[in-house]
Amino acid sequence: MKKTVLRAYAKLIVQSGVNVQKGQEVIIHADLDQPEFVQMVVEEAYKAKAKKVTVEWNYQPLAKIHVRYQSMKTLSTVTEWQKAKYQHNADVVPCVIHLISEDPDGLKGMNMEKLSKSRQAIHPIIKPYKDALEGVQQWCIAAVPGAAWAKKVFPGMPKGKAMEKLWEAILSTSRVTEDPIAAWQAHNADLKKRCDYLNSLGIESLHYTADNGTDLTVGMIPQAVFCGGAEKSKQNIWFNPNIPTEECFISPMRGKAEGIVYSTKPLSYQGQIIDKFWIRFEGGKAVSSGAEVGAELLATMLSMDEGAAYLGECALVPESSPIAQSGLLFYNTLFDENASCHLAMGMGYADTIAGHHDMTLEECRKLGINDSMIHEDFMIGCDSMSITATTRDGKNVEIFKNGEWSF
């Protein structure tokens, strides 16, 4: 891939993604697959006048070794230096960039019960630090190719060719054109128009149906609004949390979901695949589930904490999105969720509440935003999906028909 194109992508992530401001600190989380590109992002952050850029490297084989050999007590301990690091981030509020490239099956064989229990033990300790950054921090998730991931997406190709094809797919769907920043300004404007229309309806609930058996009704929070594309931090700084993105999303009312929904794409959760699954809701809670692949892992995900069994997000994406039209199954939520309507189990987004910057996180959650240690998107959209909105004044308005916007 040409370095000029990769440089434009790095610049997009820094300027339109997190939108680094002069004097801000930046943290980059990355796997070991593309060190030269990480170097480009670091340099672009400094060009944007970042005060300090820190790279934190991840490596799935090491994660498996740690879980295998550390005791449960060690895995479940947050040391004082780690607490100091969390506190530093809460005080400084750095921009955070996640450059994902991990193998969708990279943690297969890990002791998931041990990992889940350690995460459950750690969560109450680190939760206050994370809550302090909710709605305040600029962050962006973007992707670069990894060899194992590329071979998963393009299984019949040699590694080098697969890597090149995955680069092409990432850059194309991320709108890395001759002028990526201008392309994203236009894309954000389109998403805003769609959100404005949805918000004008005064939606009380959404009813999802599809030929595969999906028949689900989800209630909305009266004060919640649809969001999409660029967001604004409490410091009044615009940023794009996901590159790419095609969704208009909202956080639903905790406790208001009835019916059954079927997945339409595999879900990579904790480095393992869950596929061909369904979830049934009663009183807003997932009361039963099943899967042809990863049923036990799905049940573990839904029981991580009390909020894990409740919905945190409803997102609308047409089947005509560039990612869907690519015809690729990415085995990566960042991309696959933007090829299809999706839901998320777990934590809801406080920034979908109108006026949330003038409210506390606790006040937003009291309105009905779900709280959980997880937020896991799963895809439910298909070419037979229809979605009807019931408005607060009693009207039924068609939002989606046959997988496409009805407006």
Protein backbone atom coordinates (compact mmCIF):
# COMPACT_ATOMS: atom_id res chain seq x y z
CA MET A 1 0.00 0.00 0.00
CA LYS A 2 1.32 3.46 -0.95
CA LYS A 3 2.76 5.39 1.97
CA THR A 4 1.02 8.57 0.79
CA VAL A 5 -2.36 6.82 1.18
CA LEU A 6 -1.46 5.42 4.59
CA ARG A 7 -0.27 8.86 5.68
CA ALA A 8 -3.65 10.31 4.65
CA TYR A 9 -5.38 7.61 6.73
CA ALA A 10 -3.18 8.36 9.76
CA LYS A 11 -3.96 12.06 9.39
CA LEU A 12 -7.70 11.28 9.16
CA ILE A 13 -7.59 9.28 12.42
CA VAL A 14 -5.77 12.06 14.25
CA GLN A 15 -7.63 15.07 12.83
CA SER A 16 -11.15 13.76 12.16
CA GLY A 17 -11.05 10.77 14.48
CA VAL A 18 -9.91 12.01 17.89
CA ASN A 19 -9.34 15.60 16.68
CA VAL A 20 -6.21 16.14 18.80
CA GLN A 21 -5.98 19.62 20.30
CA LYS A 22 -2.81 21.50 21.20
CA GLY A 23 -1.38 20.33 24.53
CA GLN A 24 -3.47 17.14 24.80
CA GLU A 25 -1.98 13.76 25.67
CA VAL A 26 -2.70 10.85 23.34
CA ILE A 27 -2.78 7.12 24.10
CA ILE A 28 -2.66 4.62 21.23
CA HIS A 29 -3.65 0.99 21.79
CA ALA A 30 -2.33 -1.26 19.01
CA ASP A 31 -1.43 -4.85 18.23
CA LEU A 32 2.00 -5.73 16.83
CA ASP A 33 0.86 -6.07 13.20
CA GLN A 34 1.53 -2.60 11.72
CA PRO A 35 4.30 -0.80 13.65
CA GLU A 36 5.16 1.48 10.70
CA PHE A 37 1.58 2.73 10.51
CA VAL A 38 1.48 3.24 14.28
CA GLN A 39 4.60 5.36 13.86
CA MET A 40 2.74 7.47 11.27
CA VAL A 41 -0.16 8.03 13.67
CA VAL A 42 2.22 9.03 16.45
CA GLU A 43 3.92 11.53 14.18
CA GLU A 44 0.59 12.97 12.98
CA ALA A 45 -0.49 13.40 16.60
CA TYR A 46 2.65 15.40 17.34
CA LYS A 47 2.09 17.46 14.20
CA ALA A 48 -1.33 18.28 15.66
CA LYS A 49 0.51 19.68 18.72
CA ALA A 50 -0.07 16.77 21.08
CA LYS A 51 1.87 17.17 24.31
CA LYS A 52 2.76 13.49 24.68
CA VAL A 53 1.91 10.30 22.78
CA THR A 54 2.05 6.90 24.48
CA VAL A 55 1.70 3.59 22.63
CA GLU A 56 0.41 0.58 24.55
CA TRP A 57 1.00 -2.65 22.63
CA ASN A 58 -1.25 -5.71 22.75
CA TYR A 59 -0.42 -9.29 21.76
CA GLN A 60 -3.03 -12.04 21.94
CA PRO A 61 -0.63 -14.98 22.57
CA LEU A 62 0.67 -13.19 25.67
CA ALA A 63 -2.87 -12.61 26.91
CA LYS A 64 -3.51 -16.35 26.70
CA ILE A 65 -0.28 -17.11 28.60
CA HIS A 66 -1.13 -14.63 31.38
CA VAL A 67 -4.57 -16.15 31.91
CA ARG A 68 -3.15 -19.66 31.85
CA TYR A 69 -0.38 -19.15 34.39
CA GLN A 70 -1.47 -16.34 36.72
CA SER A 71 -3.53 -17.24 39.77
CA MET A 72 -7.08 -16.01 40.01
CA LYS A 73 -5.98 -13.70 42.83
CA THR A 74 -3.28 -12.11 40.67
CA LEU A 75 -5.59 -11.74 37.66
CA SER A 76 -8.21 -10.14 39.89
CA THR A 77 -5.88 -7.61 41.53
CA VAL A 78 -5.59 -3.96 40.49
CA THR A 79 -2.21 -2.79 41.76
CA GLU A 80 -1.52 0.67 43.15
CA TRP A 81 0.51 1.70 40.08
CA GLN A 82 -2.40 0.66 37.86
CA LYS A 83 -4.78 2.74 39.97
CA ALA A 84 -2.41 5.68 39.66
CA LYS A 85 -2.43 5.25 35.89
CA TYR A 86 -6.25 5.20 35.81
CA GLN A 87 -6.32 8.30 38.02
CA HIS A 88 -3.84 10.08 35.76
CA ASN A 89 -6.07 9.45 32.76
CA ALA A 90 -9.14 10.64 34.66
CA ASP A 91 -7.29 13.83 35.59
CA VAL A 92 -5.63 14.51 32.23
CA VAL A 93 -8.39 13.17 29.91
CA PRO A 94 -6.14 12.00 27.07
CA CYS A 95 -7.34 11.31 23.54
CA VAL A 96 -7.49 7.54 22.99
CA ILE A 97 -6.95 5.78 19.65
CA HIS A 98 -7.62 2.06 19.26
CA LEU A 99 -5.98 0.53 16.18
CA ILE A 100 -7.49 -2.93 15.96
CA SER A 101 -6.02 -5.80 13.93
CA GLU A 102 -6.42 -8.83 16.15
CA ASP A 103 -7.18 -12.36 15.00
CA PRO A 104 -10.97 -13.02 15.39
CA ASP A 105 -10.07 -16.49 16.72
CA GLY A 106 -6.89 -15.36 18.50
CA LEU A 107 -8.00 -16.27 22.00
CA LYS A 108 -9.53 -19.62 21.11
CA GLY A 109 -8.68 -22.15 23.81
CA MET A 110 -8.34 -19.56 26.57
CA ASN A 111 -9.96 -20.37 29.93
CA MET A 112 -12.91 -18.00 29.46
CA GLU A 113 -14.42 -18.79 32.85
CA LYS A 114 -11.20 -17.72 34.58
CA LEU A 115 -10.95 -14.57 32.43
CA SER A 116 -14.59 -13.64 32.99
CA LYS A 117 -14.37 -14.06 36.77
CA SER A 118 -11.22 -11.94 36.94
CA ARG A 119 -12.86 -9.19 34.86
CA GLN A 120 -15.90 -9.28 37.13
CA ALA A 121 -13.64 -8.87 40.17
CA ILE A 122 -11.69 -5.97 38.64
CA HIS A 123 -14.67 -4.08 37.22
CA PRO A 124 -15.94 -2.47 40.47
CA ILE A 125 -12.43 -1.13 41.15
CA ILE A 126 -11.85 0.49 37.75
CA LYS A 127 -15.46 1.55 37.13
CA PRO A 128 -15.19 4.95 38.88
CA TYR A 129 -12.21 5.89 36.71
CA LYS A 130 -14.05 4.90 33.52
CA ASP A 131 -17.23 6.68 34.58
CA ALA A 132 -15.22 9.87 35.13
CA LEU A 133 -14.29 9.84 31.42
CA GLU A 134 -17.78 9.03 30.09
CA GLY A 135 -18.89 11.78 27.69
CA VAL A 136 -15.70 13.75 28.34
CA GLN A 137 -13.02 11.94 26.37
CA GLN A 138 -12.23 12.07 22.63
CA TRP A 139 -11.69 8.56 21.32
CA CYS A 140 -11.56 6.73 18.02
CA ILE A 141 -11.54 3.08 16.97
CA ALA A 142 -10.00 2.37 13.56
CA ALA A 143 -8.41 -0.68 11.97
CA VAL A 144 -5.25 -1.94 10.30
CA PRO A 145 -4.66 -5.40 8.81
CA GLY A 146 -3.27 -8.27 10.80
CA ALA A 147 -2.03 -11.42 9.04
CA ALA A 148 -4.37 -13.85 10.80
CA TRP A 149 -7.33 -11.48 10.40
CA ALA A 150 -6.57 -11.01 6.69
CA LYS A 151 -6.43 -14.77 6.13
CA LYS A 152 -9.79 -15.12 7.91
CA VAL A 153 -11.41 -12.58 5.57
CA PHE A 154 -9.60 -13.85 2.43
CA PRO A 155 -8.94 -17.54 3.19
CA GLY A 156 -7.94 -18.57 -0.33
CA MET A 157 -5.16 -16.02 -0.78
CA PRO A 158 -1.47 -15.99 0.14
CA LYS A 159 -0.76 -13.93 3.25
CA GLY A 160 0.77 -10.95 1.45
CA LYS A 161 -2.10 -10.69 -1.04
CA ALA A 162 -4.68 -11.08 1.73
CA MET A 163 -3.03 -8.28 3.72
CA GLU A 164 -3.10 -5.99 0.68
CA LYS A 165 -6.76 -6.79 -0.02
CA LEU A 166 -7.70 -6.11 3.61
CA TRP A 167 -5.86 -2.77 3.46
CA GLU A 168 -7.90 -1.91 0.36
CA ALA A 169 -11.16 -2.86 2.08
CA ILE A 170 -10.34 -0.89 5.24
CA LEU A 171 -9.32 2.25 3.34
CA SER A 172 -12.27 2.10 0.95
CA THR A 173 -14.95 1.66 3.62
CA SER A 174 -13.22 4.28 5.80
CA ARG A 175 -13.60 6.84 2.99
CA VAL A 176 -9.88 7.36 2.51
CA THR A 177 -10.34 9.18 -0.80
CA GLU A 178 -8.33 11.98 -2.41
CA ASP A 179 -9.57 14.19 0.43
CA PRO A 180 -10.61 11.96 3.36
CA ILE A 181 -11.35 14.82 5.75
CA ALA A 182 -13.76 16.49 3.27
CA ALA A 183 -15.38 13.10 2.58
CA TRP A 184 -16.01 12.65 6.30
CA GLN A 185 -17.48 16.13 6.63
CA ALA A 186 -20.02 15.27 3.92
CA HIS A 187 -20.74 11.85 5.45
CA ASN A 188 -21.30 13.34 8.90
CA ALA A 189 -23.72 15.88 7.41
CA ASP A 190 -25.78 13.08 5.83
CA LEU A 191 -25.94 11.08 9.07
CA LYS A 192 -27.00 14.21 10.97
CA LYS A 193 -29.91 14.80 8.57
CA ARG A 194 -31.16 11.25 9.10
CA CYS A 195 -30.86 11.55 12.88
CA ASP A 196 -32.68 14.90 12.83
CA TYR A 197 -35.60 13.30 10.97
CA LEU A 198 -35.78 10.34 13.36
CA ASN A 199 -35.66 12.67 16.35
CA SER A 200 -38.48 14.78 14.92
CA LEU A 201 -40.86 11.80 15.09
CA GLY A 202 -40.96 11.45 18.89
CA ILE A 203 -40.43 7.68 18.80
CA GLU A 204 -41.81 5.64 21.71
CA SER A 205 -40.82 2.18 20.45
CA LEU A 206 -39.29 0.31 17.52
CA HIS A 207 -40.73 -2.95 16.17
CA TYR A 208 -38.28 -5.19 14.27
CA THR A 209 -39.45 -8.03 12.02
CA ALA A 210 -37.64 -10.25 9.49
CA ASP A 211 -38.21 -13.49 7.59
CA ASN A 212 -35.71 -15.31 9.82
CA GLY A 213 -38.10 -15.08 12.78
CA THR A 214 -37.00 -11.82 14.37
CA ASP A 215 -39.98 -10.18 16.06
CA LEU A 216 -38.82 -7.71 18.69
CA THR A 217 -40.25 -4.50 20.17
CA VAL A 218 -37.90 -2.14 22.02
CA GLY A 219 -39.00 0.90 24.07
CA MET A 220 -37.23 4.24 23.90
CA ILE A 221 -36.26 6.76 26.61
CA PRO A 222 -38.32 9.97 26.10
CA GLN A 223 -35.22 12.16 26.56
CA ALA A 224 -33.01 10.04 24.24
CA VAL A 225 -32.02 11.08 20.72
CA PHE A 226 -30.55 9.33 17.70
CA CYS A 227 -26.89 10.09 17.11
CA GLY A 228 -24.52 9.29 14.27
CA GLY A 229 -21.11 10.19 12.92
CA ALA A 230 -19.31 12.98 14.75
CA GLU A 231 -19.90 13.61 18.46
CA LYS A 232 -19.03 16.54 20.71
CA SER A 233 -17.15 16.17 23.98
CA LYS A 234 -17.96 18.09 27.13
CA GLN A 235 -15.07 20.38 26.18
CA ASN A 236 -16.98 21.24 22.98
CA ILE A 237 -14.58 19.32 20.72
CA TRP A 238 -15.95 17.39 17.73
CA PHE A 239 -14.58 13.87 17.09
CA ASN A 240 -15.52 10.66 15.25
CA PRO A 241 -15.46 7.68 17.63
CA ASN A 242 -15.66 5.07 14.85
CA ILE A 243 -13.87 4.98 11.50
CA PRO A 244 -15.78 3.67 9.57
CA THR A 245 -19.37 4.28 10.67
CA GLU A 246 -22.71 4.10 8.89
CA GLU A 247 -25.12 3.97 11.83
CA CYS A 248 -27.80 6.13 13.39
CA PHE A 249 -27.99 4.84 16.96
CA ILE A 250 -29.86 5.39 20.21
CA SER A 251 -29.81 3.87 23.69
CA PRO A 252 -33.17 2.29 24.54
CA MET A 253 -35.06 2.24 27.83
CA ARG A 254 -33.68 -0.42 30.16
CA GLY A 255 -36.40 -2.98 30.85
CA LYS A 256 -38.45 -2.36 27.70
CA ALA A 257 -37.81 -5.13 25.17
CA GLU A 258 -40.13 -7.98 24.26
CA GLY A 259 -39.71 -10.76 21.72
CA ILE A 260 -36.98 -12.64 19.91
CA VAL A 261 -34.13 -11.60 17.65
CA TYR A 262 -31.84 -13.66 15.42
CA SER A 263 -28.27 -12.78 14.51
CA THR A 264 -27.33 -12.42 10.85
CA LYS A 265 -23.51 -12.30 11.13
CA PRO A 266 -20.93 -13.95 13.41
CA LEU A 267 -19.87 -12.13 16.58
CA SER A 268 -16.22 -12.14 17.64
CA TYR A 269 -16.31 -11.92 21.46
CA GLN A 270 -13.15 -12.13 23.57
CA GLY A 271 -11.21 -13.49 20.61
CA GLN A 272 -13.70 -16.28 19.87
CA ILE A 273 -16.62 -16.66 17.45
CA ILE A 274 -20.33 -16.85 18.34
CA ASP A 275 -22.48 -17.62 15.31
CA LYS A 276 -26.07 -18.36 14.26
CA PHE A 277 -27.52 -17.30 17.58
CA TRP A 278 -30.77 -15.96 18.99
CA ILE A 279 -31.82 -14.09 22.13
CA ARG A 280 -35.31 -13.88 23.65
CA PHE A 281 -36.34 -10.88 25.77
CA GLU A 282 -39.02 -10.55 28.42
CA GLY A 283 -39.43 -7.41 30.52
CA GLY A 284 -36.39 -5.99 28.77
CA LYS A 285 -34.11 -8.83 29.90
CA ALA A 286 -32.52 -11.62 27.88
CA VAL A 287 -34.20 -14.65 29.45
CA SER A 288 -32.96 -17.33 27.04
CA SER A 289 -30.51 -17.72 24.19
CA GLY A 290 -28.94 -20.27 21.90
CA ALA A 291 -26.26 -20.57 19.24
CA GLU A 292 -25.00 -23.14 16.75
CA VAL A 293 -21.45 -21.96 17.50
CA GLY A 294 -20.39 -20.59 20.90
CA ALA A 295 -23.61 -21.09 22.87
CA GLU A 296 -21.77 -21.37 26.19
CA LEU A 297 -19.72 -18.26 25.41
CA LEU A 298 -22.91 -16.36 24.58
CA ALA A 299 -24.44 -17.38 27.91
CA THR A 300 -21.28 -16.24 29.70
CA MET A 301 -21.43 -12.86 27.93
CA LEU A 302 -25.06 -12.35 28.94
CA SER A 303 -24.26 -13.08 32.60
CA MET A 304 -21.14 -10.94 33.07
CA ASP A 305 -23.12 -8.66 35.38
CA GLU A 306 -26.74 -7.62 35.98
CA GLY A 307 -26.78 -5.17 33.08
CA ALA A 308 -25.25 -7.57 30.55
CA ALA A 309 -28.66 -9.14 29.91
CA TYR A 310 -30.24 -5.79 28.94
CA LEU A 311 -29.96 -3.77 25.75
CA GLY A 312 -27.65 -0.75 25.56
CA GLU A 313 -28.00 0.29 21.92
CA CYS A 314 -30.28 0.12 18.88
CA ALA A 315 -28.50 1.04 15.64
CA LEU A 316 -29.94 1.47 12.16
CA VAL A 317 -27.77 0.69 9.12
CA PRO A 318 -29.06 0.10 5.56
CA GLU A 319 -28.08 -2.95 3.52
CA SER A 320 -26.79 -0.50 0.90
CA SER A 321 -24.00 0.74 3.18
CA PRO A 322 -20.52 0.63 1.58
CA ILE A 323 -19.45 -2.12 3.98
CA ALA A 324 -22.45 -4.30 3.11
CA GLN A 325 -21.92 -3.63 -0.57
CA SER A 326 -18.31 -4.78 -0.32
CA GLY A 327 -19.70 -8.29 0.10
CA LEU A 328 -17.09 -9.04 2.75
CA LEU A 329 -17.60 -10.62 6.13
CA PHE A 330 -14.93 -8.94 8.25
CA TYR A 331 -15.34 -11.02 11.44
CA ASN A 332 -14.81 -7.69 13.20
CA THR A 333 -17.57 -5.74 14.93
CA LEU A 334 -16.29 -2.31 13.86
CA PHE A 335 -16.97 -3.24 10.24
CA ASP A 336 -19.72 -5.85 10.40
CA GLU A 337 -21.93 -3.67 12.62
CA ASN A 338 -21.76 -0.98 9.93
CA ALA A 339 -23.01 -3.40 7.29
CA SER A 340 -26.19 -4.20 9.15
CA CYS A 341 -28.74 -3.03 11.66
CA HIS A 342 -27.55 -4.13 15.06
CA LEU A 343 -28.24 -4.18 18.77
CA ALA A 344 -25.83 -4.12 21.69
CA MET A 345 -26.03 -5.94 24.98
CA GLY A 346 -24.84 -4.12 28.08
CA MET A 347 -23.82 -0.52 28.66
CA GLY A 348 -25.86 2.23 27.06
CA TYR A 349 -24.52 5.59 25.93
CA ALA A 350 -25.24 8.53 28.21
CA ASP A 351 -24.43 10.88 25.34
CA THR A 352 -27.65 9.84 23.61
CA ILE A 353 -29.56 11.79 26.25
CA ALA A 354 -30.45 15.32 25.14
CA GLY A 355 -28.53 17.79 27.29
CA HIS A 356 -26.33 15.08 28.80
CA HIS A 357 -23.38 17.46 29.21
CA ASP A 358 -25.44 19.35 31.82
CA MET A 359 -26.30 16.15 33.71
CA THR A 360 -24.36 13.66 35.78
CA LEU A 361 -23.83 10.12 34.55
CA GLU A 362 -26.03 8.90 37.40
CA GLU A 363 -28.85 11.21 36.29
CA CYS A 364 -28.64 9.85 32.74
CA ARG A 365 -28.81 6.28 34.00
CA LYS A 366 -31.82 7.07 36.16
CA LEU A 367 -33.65 8.05 32.97
CA GLY A 368 -33.17 4.50 31.68
CA ILE A 369 -29.62 4.22 30.26
CA ASN A 370 -28.38 0.71 31.01
CA ASP A 371 -25.16 0.21 32.98
CA SER A 372 -22.85 -2.77 32.52
CA MET A 373 -19.20 -3.77 32.29
CA ILE A 374 -19.78 -4.94 28.69
CA HIS A 375 -21.01 -3.34 25.48
CA GLU A 376 -21.23 -6.00 22.76
CA ASP A 377 -22.76 -5.24 19.37
CA PHE A 378 -24.36 -8.02 17.35
CA MET A 379 -25.79 -7.85 13.86
CA ILE A 380 -29.47 -8.49 13.12
CA GLY A 381 -30.06 -6.68 9.81
CA CYS A 382 -30.97 -8.47 6.56
CA ASP A 383 -32.70 -7.78 3.26
CA SER A 384 -36.09 -8.76 4.71
CA MET A 385 -35.90 -6.57 7.82
CA SER A 386 -38.64 -4.03 8.43
CA ILE A 387 -38.71 -1.57 11.33
CA THR A 388 -41.79 0.38 12.35
CA ALA A 389 -41.68 3.23 14.84
CA THR A 390 -44.62 3.91 17.14
CA THR A 391 -44.60 7.58 18.07
CA ARG A 392 -45.65 9.17 21.33
CA ASP A 393 -48.74 10.59 19.62
CA GLY A 394 -49.86 7.12 18.55
CA LYS A 395 -48.74 7.00 14.92
CA ASN A 396 -46.97 4.12 13.20
CA VAL A 397 -44.17 5.27 10.91
CA GLU A 398 -42.20 2.92 8.66
CA ILE A 399 -38.46 3.46 9.18
CA PHE A 400 -37.00 0.47 7.32
CA LYS A 401 -38.41 -1.78 4.61
CA ASN A 402 -36.54 -4.74 3.14
CA GLY A 403 -33.34 -3.68 4.83
CA GLU A 404 -33.35 -0.10 3.53
CA TRP A 405 -34.34 3.32 4.83
CA SER A 406 -37.97 4.17 4.10
CA PHE A 407 -37.17 7.87 3.89
